[in-house]
Amino acid sequence: LTSIRFLLFCTDRSGFQDLMFEALIRLNPSMIPKHQEMIEFKNPPQVNFGEIFIGISYLPTSERFTININKLRYFCKIEKEKKIDTRLTITLFHNGRRFLQKKIPLTLNGSTSIDYEIKDTITENIPQNDIYSVYVHVEFNSKDNSFISSSSILLGENTRYESDWHKMLEYPRQTHHRWYPFLG
């Protein structure tokens, strides 16, 4: 290790990048400590913020990808007179670039029901050779007078839910439903 290079980019919504700052810091042996130290990262506890019931399917013949957003459950207990404004954002990425985003506003209230019905569908044309580089990001944001919370899940190759993605591709023409937890 002889130098460290810092680059700062400004990226606009279309993905174009402008280099804003660049610095190269030369290191000499006196700046590098002679000993090595092992750093052990601990797994933080995962807090479940609630769950979302989603169905995903892909039709290879028509090259159609469908997401069914059905229900939310196990969110914080809400008093009967109280309402919390929330927003569910579903974003599709291809090779790291966003190509579709849908925002679904919701109001959670203190009803006796645990499940909140959504019943929304997103359908997008995705070619067969591109489906492997598509990622689905589902984000849940809630805002109250006393707190703001956010949590998300990611579906696709090399993610926590990679097995669900492979099931969808191996068994086309079937909708694969599952409860996905929002972890914090």
C-alpha atoms as a PDB file:
ATOM      1  CA  LEU A   1       0.000   0.000   0.000  1.00  0.00           C
ATOM      2  CA  THR A   2       1.744   3.150  -1.184  1.00  0.00           C
ATOM      3  CA  SER A   3      -1.117   5.600  -1.678  1.00  0.00           C
ATOM      4  CA  ILE A   4      -4.815   6.178  -1.082  1.00  0.00           C
ATOM      5  CA  ARG A   5      -6.982   7.750  -3.760  1.00  0.00           C
ATOM      6  CA  PHE A   6     -10.241   9.572  -2.925  1.00  0.00           C
ATOM      7  CA  LEU A   7     -12.789  10.311  -5.647  1.00  0.00           C
ATOM      8  CA  LEU A   8     -16.060  12.206  -5.166  1.00  0.00           C
ATOM      9  CA  PHE A   9     -18.686  11.927  -7.896  1.00  0.00           C
ATOM     10  CA  CYS A  10     -21.934  13.794  -8.375  1.00  0.00           C
ATOM     11  CA  THR A  11     -24.522  11.525 -10.003  1.00  0.00           C
ATOM     12  CA  ASP A  12     -27.767  12.850 -11.461  1.00  0.00           C
ATOM     13  CA  ARG A  13     -31.048  10.953 -11.793  1.00  0.00           C
ATOM     14  CA  SER A  14     -30.203   9.630 -15.247  1.00  0.00           C
ATOM     15  CA  GLY A  15     -26.978   8.065 -13.966  1.00  0.00           C
ATOM     16  CA  PHE A  16     -24.469  10.521 -15.466  1.00  0.00           C
ATOM     17  CA  GLN A  17     -21.472  11.134 -13.222  1.00  0.00           C
ATOM     18  CA  ASP A  18     -19.310  14.227 -12.859  1.00  0.00           C
ATOM     19  CA  LEU A  19     -16.011  14.045 -10.998  1.00  0.00           C
ATOM     20  CA  MET A  20     -16.213  16.731  -8.309  1.00  0.00           C
ATOM     21  CA  PHE A  21     -13.059  16.035  -6.294  1.00  0.00           C
ATOM     22  CA  GLU A  22      -9.966  13.868  -6.543  1.00  0.00           C
ATOM     23  CA  ALA A  23      -7.107  13.504  -4.084  1.00  0.00           C
ATOM     24  CA  LEU A  24      -4.109  11.181  -3.990  1.00  0.00           C
ATOM     25  CA  ILE A  25      -2.400  10.807  -0.622  1.00  0.00           C
ATOM     26  CA  ARG A  26       1.055   9.260  -0.729  1.00  0.00           C
ATOM     27  CA  LEU A  27       1.821   6.976   2.203  1.00  0.00           C
ATOM     28  CA  ASN A  28       5.258   6.450   3.643  1.00  0.00           C
ATOM     29  CA  PRO A  29       6.217   3.492   5.862  1.00  0.00           C
ATOM     30  CA  SER A  30       6.092   5.621   9.028  1.00  0.00           C
ATOM     31  CA  MET A  31       2.357   6.271   8.437  1.00  0.00           C
ATOM     32  CA  ILE A  32       1.551   2.556   8.357  1.00  0.00           C
ATOM     33  CA  PRO A  33       1.586   0.769  11.731  1.00  0.00           C
ATOM     34  CA  LYS A  34       3.913  -2.198  12.003  1.00  0.00           C
ATOM     35  CA  HIS A  35       1.415  -4.457  13.752  1.00  0.00           C
ATOM     36  CA  GLN A  36      -1.778  -6.030  12.535  1.00  0.00           C
ATOM     37  CA  GLU A  37      -4.972  -6.070  14.488  1.00  0.00           C
ATOM     38  CA  MET A  38      -7.929  -8.348  13.920  1.00  0.00           C
ATOM     39  CA  ILE A  39     -11.261  -6.562  13.872  1.00  0.00           C
ATOM     40  CA  GLU A  40     -14.230  -8.753  14.648  1.00  0.00           C
ATOM     41  CA  PHE A  41     -17.571  -7.442  13.427  1.00  0.00           C
ATOM     42  CA  LYS A  42     -20.551  -8.486  15.452  1.00  0.00           C
ATOM     43  CA  ASN A  43     -23.904  -9.203  13.868  1.00  0.00           C
ATOM     44  CA  PRO A  44     -26.330  -6.587  15.171  1.00  0.00           C
ATOM     45  CA  PRO A  45     -29.695  -7.882  16.361  1.00  0.00           C
ATOM     46  CA  GLN A  46     -32.347  -7.823  13.669  1.00  0.00           C
ATOM     47  CA  VAL A  47     -35.580  -6.104  14.586  1.00  0.00           C
ATOM     48  CA  ASN A  48     -38.658  -7.104  12.629  1.00  0.00           C
ATOM     49  CA  PHE A  49     -40.596  -3.976  11.586  1.00  0.00           C
ATOM     50  CA  GLY A  50     -43.385  -5.983   9.996  1.00  0.00           C
ATOM     51  CA  GLU A  51     -43.942  -8.154   6.940  1.00  0.00           C
ATOM     52  CA  ILE A  52     -45.201  -7.772   3.397  1.00  0.00           C
ATOM     53  CA  PHE A  53     -46.931 -10.478   1.353  1.00  0.00           C
ATOM     54  CA  ILE A  54     -45.615 -10.361  -2.221  1.00  0.00           C
ATOM     55  CA  GLY A  55     -46.093 -12.645  -5.210  1.00  0.00           C
ATOM     56  CA  ILE A  56     -43.564 -12.657  -8.067  1.00  0.00           C
ATOM     57  CA  SER A  57     -43.844 -14.362 -11.443  1.00  0.00           C
ATOM     58  CA  TYR A  58     -42.108 -14.326 -14.806  1.00  0.00           C
ATOM     59  CA  LEU A  59     -43.520 -15.452 -18.147  1.00  0.00           C
ATOM     60  CA  PRO A  60     -40.545 -16.158 -20.431  1.00  0.00           C
ATOM     61  CA  THR A  61     -42.623 -16.519 -23.613  1.00  0.00           C
ATOM     62  CA  SER A  62     -44.142 -13.055 -23.318  1.00  0.00           C
ATOM     63  CA  GLU A  63     -41.129 -11.723 -21.335  1.00  0.00           C
ATOM     64  CA  ARG A  64     -43.432 -10.326 -18.654  1.00  0.00           C
ATOM     65  CA  PHE A  65     -42.426  -9.850 -14.998  1.00  0.00           C
ATOM     66  CA  THR A  66     -45.224  -9.336 -12.458  1.00  0.00           C
ATOM     67  CA  ILE A  67     -45.168  -8.324  -8.800  1.00  0.00           C
ATOM     68  CA  ASN A  68     -48.357  -8.669  -6.733  1.00  0.00           C
ATOM     69  CA  ILE A  69     -48.317  -6.593  -3.558  1.00  0.00           C
ATOM     70  CA  ASN A  70     -51.049  -8.019  -1.342  1.00  0.00           C
ATOM     71  CA  LYS A  71     -50.818  -7.346   2.400  1.00  0.00           C
ATOM     72  CA  LEU A  72     -48.852  -5.851   5.278  1.00  0.00           C
ATOM     73  CA  ARG A  73     -48.908  -7.332   8.786  1.00  0.00           C
ATOM     74  CA  TYR A  74     -47.296  -7.202  12.235  1.00  0.00           C
ATOM     75  CA  PHE A  75     -46.629  -3.480  12.219  1.00  0.00           C
ATOM     76  CA  CYS A  76     -46.531  -1.489  15.425  1.00  0.00           C
ATOM     77  CA  LYS A  77     -49.647  -1.361  17.585  1.00  0.00           C
ATOM     78  CA  ILE A  78     -51.610   1.766  16.783  1.00  0.00           C
ATOM     79  CA  GLU A  79     -54.167   3.381  19.068  1.00  0.00           C
ATOM     80  CA  LYS A  80     -57.747   3.384  17.786  1.00  0.00           C
ATOM     81  CA  GLU A  81     -57.936   7.150  17.155  1.00  0.00           C
ATOM     82  CA  LYS A  82     -54.441   7.375  15.697  1.00  0.00           C
ATOM     83  CA  LYS A  83     -53.381   7.110  12.040  1.00  0.00           C
ATOM     84  CA  ILE A  84     -49.867   6.778  10.631  1.00  0.00           C
ATOM     85  CA  ASP A  85     -49.114   7.859   7.074  1.00  0.00           C
ATOM     86  CA  THR A  86     -46.833   5.416   5.307  1.00  0.00           C
ATOM     87  CA  ARG A  87     -45.483   4.897   1.832  1.00  0.00           C
ATOM     88  CA  LEU A  88     -44.473   1.714   0.089  1.00  0.00           C
ATOM     89  CA  THR A  89     -41.983   2.237  -2.754  1.00  0.00           C
ATOM     90  CA  ILE A  90     -41.256  -0.522  -5.249  1.00  0.00           C
ATOM     91  CA  THR A  91     -38.221   0.126  -7.466  1.00  0.00           C
ATOM     92  CA  LEU A  92     -36.886  -2.070 -10.275  1.00  0.00           C
ATOM     93  CA  PHE A  93     -33.179  -1.860 -11.125  1.00  0.00           C
ATOM     94  CA  HIS A  94     -31.370  -3.231 -14.156  1.00  0.00           C
ATOM     95  CA  ASN A  95     -27.565  -3.314 -14.020  1.00  0.00           C
ATOM     96  CA  GLY A  96     -27.693  -0.837 -11.132  1.00  0.00           C
ATOM     97  CA  ARG A  97     -29.919   1.695 -12.914  1.00  0.00           C
ATOM     98  CA  ARG A  98     -33.476   2.402 -11.875  1.00  0.00           C
ATOM     99  CA  PHE A  99     -35.996   1.849 -14.670  1.00  0.00           C
ATOM    100  CA  LEU A 100     -39.303   1.728 -12.804  1.00  0.00           C
ATOM    101  CA  GLN A 101     -40.533   3.116  -9.515  1.00  0.00           C
ATOM    102  CA  LYS A 102     -44.006   3.012  -8.007  1.00  0.00           C
ATOM    103  CA  LYS A 103     -45.017   4.727  -4.774  1.00  0.00           C
ATOM    104  CA  ILE A 104     -48.071   3.458  -2.931  1.00  0.00           C
ATOM    105  CA  PRO A 105     -49.359   5.753  -0.158  1.00  0.00           C
ATOM    106  CA  LEU A 106     -51.019   3.956   2.765  1.00  0.00           C
ATOM    107  CA  THR A 107     -52.644   4.966   6.020  1.00  0.00           C
ATOM    108  CA  LEU A 108     -52.267   2.550   8.916  1.00  0.00           C
ATOM    109  CA  ASN A 109     -54.946   2.992  11.558  1.00  0.00           C
ATOM    110  CA  GLY A 110     -55.913   1.317  14.807  1.00  0.00           C
ATOM    111  CA  SER A 111     -58.408  -1.108  13.295  1.00  0.00           C
ATOM    112  CA  THR A 112     -58.832  -4.515  14.875  1.00  0.00           C
ATOM    113  CA  SER A 113     -57.384  -6.239  11.817  1.00  0.00           C
ATOM    114  CA  ILE A 114     -53.692  -7.168  11.913  1.00  0.00           C
ATOM    115  CA  ASP A 115     -53.369  -7.340   8.100  1.00  0.00           C
ATOM    116  CA  TYR A 116     -53.564  -4.278   5.879  1.00  0.00           C
ATOM    117  CA  GLU A 117     -54.831  -5.050   2.378  1.00  0.00           C
ATOM    118  CA  ILE A 118     -53.007  -3.399  -0.534  1.00  0.00           C
ATOM    119  CA  LYS A 119     -53.935  -5.376  -3.680  1.00  0.00           C
ATOM    120  CA  ASP A 120     -51.638  -3.700  -6.198  1.00  0.00           C
ATOM    121  CA  THR A 121     -49.886  -5.168  -9.239  1.00  0.00           C
ATOM    122  CA  ILE A 122     -46.835  -4.075 -11.205  1.00  0.00           C
ATOM    123  CA  THR A 123     -46.187  -5.632 -14.630  1.00  0.00           C
ATOM    124  CA  GLU A 124     -43.124  -4.880 -16.704  1.00  0.00           C
ATOM    125  CA  ASN A 125     -41.675  -6.264 -19.950  1.00  0.00           C
ATOM    126  CA  ILE A 126     -38.201  -7.678 -19.291  1.00  0.00           C
ATOM    127  CA  PRO A 127     -36.297  -9.722 -21.900  1.00  0.00           C
ATOM    128  CA  GLN A 128     -35.185 -13.236 -20.897  1.00  0.00           C
ATOM    129  CA  ASN A 129     -31.481 -12.410 -21.062  1.00  0.00           C
ATOM    130  CA  ASP A 130     -31.979  -9.355 -18.778  1.00  0.00           C
ATOM    131  CA  ILE A 131     -34.082 -10.951 -16.010  1.00  0.00           C
ATOM    132  CA  TYR A 132     -30.925 -12.210 -14.256  1.00  0.00           C
ATOM    133  CA  SER A 133     -29.625  -8.655 -13.802  1.00  0.00           C
ATOM    134  CA  VAL A 134     -32.909  -7.203 -12.472  1.00  0.00           C
ATOM    135  CA  TYR A 135     -33.364  -6.376  -8.791  1.00  0.00           C
ATOM    136  CA  VAL A 136     -36.558  -5.465  -6.952  1.00  0.00           C
ATOM    137  CA  HIS A 137     -36.204  -3.060  -4.030  1.00  0.00           C
ATOM    138  CA  VAL A 138     -39.242  -2.770  -1.731  1.00  0.00           C
ATOM    139  CA  GLU A 139     -39.033   0.074   0.784  1.00  0.00           C
ATOM    140  CA  PHE A 140     -41.430   0.898   3.607  1.00  0.00           C
ATOM    141  CA  ASN A 141     -41.403   4.401   5.127  1.00  0.00           C
ATOM    142  CA  SER A 142     -43.605   5.600   7.956  1.00  0.00           C
ATOM    143  CA  LYS A 143     -43.861   9.046   9.465  1.00  0.00           C
ATOM    144  CA  ASP A 144     -45.501  10.037  12.710  1.00  0.00           C
ATOM    145  CA  ASN A 145     -45.198  13.111  14.924  1.00  0.00           C
ATOM    146  CA  SER A 146     -42.839  11.230  17.221  1.00  0.00           C
ATOM    147  CA  PHE A 147     -40.791   9.064  14.807  1.00  0.00           C
ATOM    148  CA  ILE A 148     -39.743   8.336  11.243  1.00  0.00           C
ATOM    149  CA  SER A 149     -38.858   4.772  10.293  1.00  0.00           C
ATOM    150  CA  SER A 150     -37.688   3.082   7.135  1.00  0.00           C
ATOM    151  CA  SER A 151     -36.941  -0.498   6.172  1.00  0.00           C
ATOM    152  CA  SER A 152     -36.490  -2.383   2.908  1.00  0.00           C
ATOM    153  CA  ILE A 153     -36.000  -5.743   1.220  1.00  0.00           C
ATOM    154  CA  LEU A 154     -34.139  -6.638  -1.967  1.00  0.00           C
ATOM    155  CA  LEU A 155     -35.070  -9.450  -4.352  1.00  0.00           C
ATOM    156  CA  GLY A 156     -32.819 -10.786  -7.115  1.00  0.00           C
ATOM    157  CA  GLU A 157     -29.589 -12.672  -7.768  1.00  0.00           C
ATOM    158  CA  ASN A 158     -27.031 -12.722  -4.927  1.00  0.00           C
ATOM    159  CA  THR A 159     -29.459 -11.376  -2.327  1.00  0.00           C
ATOM    160  CA  ARG A 160     -30.899 -12.818   0.867  1.00  0.00           C
ATOM    161  CA  TYR A 161     -33.913 -14.077  -1.109  1.00  0.00           C
ATOM    162  CA  GLU A 162     -31.978 -15.527  -4.051  1.00  0.00           C
ATOM    163  CA  SER A 163     -33.721 -18.911  -3.676  1.00  0.00           C
ATOM    164  CA  ASP A 164     -37.132 -17.267  -4.235  1.00  0.00           C
ATOM    165  CA  TRP A 165     -35.782 -15.569  -7.356  1.00  0.00           C
ATOM    166  CA  HIS A 166     -34.480 -18.906  -8.693  1.00  0.00           C
ATOM    167  CA  LYS A 167     -37.826 -20.610  -7.963  1.00  0.00           C
ATOM    168  CA  MET A 168     -39.572 -17.932  -9.993  1.00  0.00           C
ATOM    169  CA  LEU A 169     -37.220 -18.553 -12.934  1.00  0.00           C
ATOM    170  CA  GLU A 170     -37.277 -22.367 -12.668  1.00  0.00           C
ATOM    171  CA  TYR A 171     -41.080 -22.596 -12.431  1.00  0.00           C
ATOM    172  CA  PRO A 172     -42.458 -19.939 -14.766  1.00  0.00           C
ATOM    173  CA  ARG A 173     -46.153 -19.232 -15.177  1.00  0.00           C
ATOM    174  CA  GLN A 174     -46.633 -19.646 -11.422  1.00  0.00           C
ATOM    175  CA  THR A 175     -46.960 -16.853  -8.913  1.00  0.00           C
ATOM    176  CA  HIS A 176     -44.608 -17.468  -5.992  1.00  0.00           C
ATOM    177  CA  HIS A 177     -46.050 -15.895  -2.833  1.00  0.00           C
ATOM    178  CA  ARG A 178     -44.208 -15.309   0.416  1.00  0.00           C
ATOM    179  CA  TRP A 179     -44.184 -13.141   3.521  1.00  0.00           C
ATOM    180  CA  TYR A 180     -40.991 -11.033   3.449  1.00  0.00           C
ATOM    181  CA  PRO A 181     -39.872  -9.423   6.730  1.00  0.00           C
ATOM    182  CA  PHE A 182     -38.765  -5.798   6.926  1.00  0.00           C
ATOM    183  CA  LEU A 183     -35.665  -6.067   9.096  1.00  0.00           C
ATOM    184  CA  GLY A 184     -33.872  -3.209  10.770  1.00  0.00           C
END
